[in-house]
Structure formats: structure tokens, C-alpha cells
Amino acid sequence: MGLKHKKYIYVKRSDGWYVKVRVLNIRFGSKIEQADVGDPSRYVVIGLKTRNPPQKAIIVGEEALPEELRNQLYTI
């Protein structure tokens, strides 16, 4: 699966795994668009869990995401 123009990010969990997440109407990168990044409806957990994310992937810590989304990360 490709990363497709910064529409996907990898979230680093506290147990060392990375989970792929689709972001809607937000582009993470060098500049973050002015959008509500705390809105849980803007994130979709894809279900891909890996120890080694792609080299060019944008990696975000789970602390930067809403609480509802953090709970979904651990169901995978």
C-alpha cells in the first residue's frame, strides 16, 4: 500500500507497533494545514499493523491523536 500524497500516516503505539491511519482533509508533513486535528471523525484506522513502516512515511505519536482514536489503535 502506498502513502498517496500524505493522505496516510503511521501512528507509533507505546508497544512498538505502527498502525496505518487514513486522514481525511488533513495533510501531515512539513506544514500541517489549518484543520481540526482533534476531530476523531477525520481519521480512519486501516488495520495494517507493522514493526517497520516505510522510510518515507509520516510517523506521528499516539499522544497527538484524539482519545477515541487511540482506543481504536489497540483493537488491531
C-alpha atoms as a PDB file:
ATOM      1  CA  MET A   1       0.000   0.000   0.000  1.00  0.00           C
ATOM      2  CA  GLY A   2       1.347   3.373  -0.942  1.00  0.00           C
ATOM      3  CA  LEU A   3       1.296   6.560   1.056  1.00  0.00           C
ATOM      4  CA  LYS A   4      -0.532   8.610  -1.618  1.00  0.00           C
ATOM      5  CA  HIS A   5       0.231  12.328  -1.188  1.00  0.00           C
ATOM      6  CA  LYS A   6       0.367  12.416   2.617  1.00  0.00           C
ATOM      7  CA  LYS A   7      -3.145  11.031   2.977  1.00  0.00           C
ATOM      8  CA  TYR A   8      -1.855   8.173   5.131  1.00  0.00           C
ATOM      9  CA  ILE A   9       0.195   8.323   8.314  1.00  0.00           C
ATOM     10  CA  TYR A  10       1.669   5.698  10.590  1.00  0.00           C
ATOM     11  CA  VAL A  11       0.933   6.040  14.299  1.00  0.00           C
ATOM     12  CA  LYS A  12       3.524   4.720  16.721  1.00  0.00           C
ATOM     13  CA  ARG A  13       1.929   2.835  19.593  1.00  0.00           C
ATOM     14  CA  SER A  14       3.526   2.505  23.006  1.00  0.00           C
ATOM     15  CA  ASP A  15       4.164  -1.226  22.468  1.00  0.00           C
ATOM     16  CA  GLY A  16       6.438  -0.615  19.463  1.00  0.00           C
ATOM     17  CA  TRP A  17       3.970  -1.364  16.659  1.00  0.00           C
ATOM     18  CA  TYR A  18       2.954   1.089  13.936  1.00  0.00           C
ATOM     19  CA  VAL A  19      -0.627   1.304  12.666  1.00  0.00           C
ATOM     20  CA  LYS A  20      -1.611   2.782   9.304  1.00  0.00           C
ATOM     21  CA  VAL A  21      -4.258   5.517   9.504  1.00  0.00           C
ATOM     22  CA  ARG A  22      -6.045   7.367   6.699  1.00  0.00           C
ATOM     23  CA  VAL A  23      -6.509  11.082   7.364  1.00  0.00           C
ATOM     24  CA  LEU A  24      -9.394  12.950   5.771  1.00  0.00           C
ATOM     25  CA  ASN A  25      -8.916  16.597   4.729  1.00  0.00           C
ATOM     26  CA  ILE A  26      -5.650  16.910   6.686  1.00  0.00           C
ATOM     27  CA  ARG A  27      -2.154  16.712   5.206  1.00  0.00           C
ATOM     28  CA  PHE A  28       0.583  15.956   7.723  1.00  0.00           C
ATOM     29  CA  GLY A  29       4.072  16.897   6.676  1.00  0.00           C
ATOM     30  CA  SER A  30       6.362  19.893   6.853  1.00  0.00           C
ATOM     31  CA  LYS A  31       3.295  22.140   7.056  1.00  0.00           C
ATOM     32  CA  ILE A  32       0.069  20.986   8.624  1.00  0.00           C
ATOM     33  CA  GLU A  33      -2.982  22.528   7.022  1.00  0.00           C
ATOM     34  CA  GLN A  34      -5.153  24.594   9.285  1.00  0.00           C
ATOM     35  CA  ALA A  35      -7.694  21.929  10.154  1.00  0.00           C
ATOM     36  CA  ASP A  36      -9.153  20.470  13.296  1.00  0.00           C
ATOM     37  CA  VAL A  37      -6.673  17.665  14.002  1.00  0.00           C
ATOM     38  CA  GLY A  38      -8.510  16.818  17.225  1.00  0.00           C
ATOM     39  CA  ASP A  39     -11.673  15.706  15.426  1.00  0.00           C
ATOM     40  CA  PRO A  40     -11.840  11.868  15.565  1.00  0.00           C
ATOM     41  CA  SER A  41     -14.127  11.698  12.523  1.00  0.00           C
ATOM     42  CA  ARG A  42     -11.199  12.802  10.326  1.00  0.00           C
ATOM     43  CA  TYR A  43      -9.261   9.577  10.942  1.00  0.00           C
ATOM     44  CA  VAL A  44      -9.881   6.044   9.672  1.00  0.00           C
ATOM     45  CA  VAL A  45      -7.818   3.182  11.080  1.00  0.00           C
ATOM     46  CA  ILE A  46      -6.899   0.978   8.116  1.00  0.00           C
ATOM     47  CA  GLY A  47      -5.939  -2.124  10.053  1.00  0.00           C
ATOM     48  CA  LEU A  48      -2.391  -2.578   8.838  1.00  0.00           C
ATOM     49  CA  LYS A  49      -0.019  -3.184  11.749  1.00  0.00           C
ATOM     50  CA  THR A  50       3.737  -3.399  11.231  1.00  0.00           C
ATOM     51  CA  ARG A  51       7.027  -3.126  13.063  1.00  0.00           C
ATOM     52  CA  ASN A  52       8.830  -1.466  10.133  1.00  0.00           C
ATOM     53  CA  PRO A  53       6.961   1.412   8.450  1.00  0.00           C
ATOM     54  CA  PRO A  54       8.112   2.669   5.026  1.00  0.00           C
ATOM     55  CA  GLN A  55      11.100   5.013   5.049  1.00  0.00           C
ATOM     56  CA  LYS A  56       9.178   7.957   3.616  1.00  0.00           C
ATOM     57  CA  ALA A  57       6.150   7.501   5.864  1.00  0.00           C
ATOM     58  CA  ILE A  58       4.997  10.263   8.180  1.00  0.00           C
ATOM     59  CA  ILE A  59       5.116   8.922  11.716  1.00  0.00           C
ATOM     60  CA  VAL A  60       3.001  10.502  14.437  1.00  0.00           C
ATOM     61  CA  GLY A  61       2.942   9.613  18.115  1.00  0.00           C
ATOM     62  CA  GLU A  62      -0.319   8.395  19.559  1.00  0.00           C
ATOM     63  CA  GLU A  63      -0.357  11.322  22.019  1.00  0.00           C
ATOM     64  CA  ALA A  64      -1.074  13.716  19.127  1.00  0.00           C
ATOM     65  CA  LEU A  65      -4.353  11.979  18.276  1.00  0.00           C
ATOM     66  CA  PRO A  66      -7.793  12.139  19.948  1.00  0.00           C
ATOM     67  CA  GLU A  67      -8.590   9.712  22.768  1.00  0.00           C
ATOM     68  CA  GLU A  68     -11.276   7.860  20.778  1.00  0.00           C
ATOM     69  CA  LEU A  69      -8.796   7.069  18.032  1.00  0.00           C
ATOM     70  CA  ARG A  70      -6.161   5.841  20.489  1.00  0.00           C
ATOM     71  CA  ASN A  71      -8.595   3.193  21.714  1.00  0.00           C
ATOM     72  CA  GLN A  72      -9.144   2.005  18.123  1.00  0.00           C
ATOM     73  CA  LEU A  73      -5.392   1.636  17.561  1.00  0.00           C
ATOM     74  CA  TYR A  74      -5.163  -1.139  20.152  1.00  0.00           C
ATOM     75  CA  THR A  75      -8.082  -3.179  18.797  1.00  0.00           C
ATOM     76  CA  ILE A  76      -5.924  -4.226  15.840  1.00  0.00           C
END
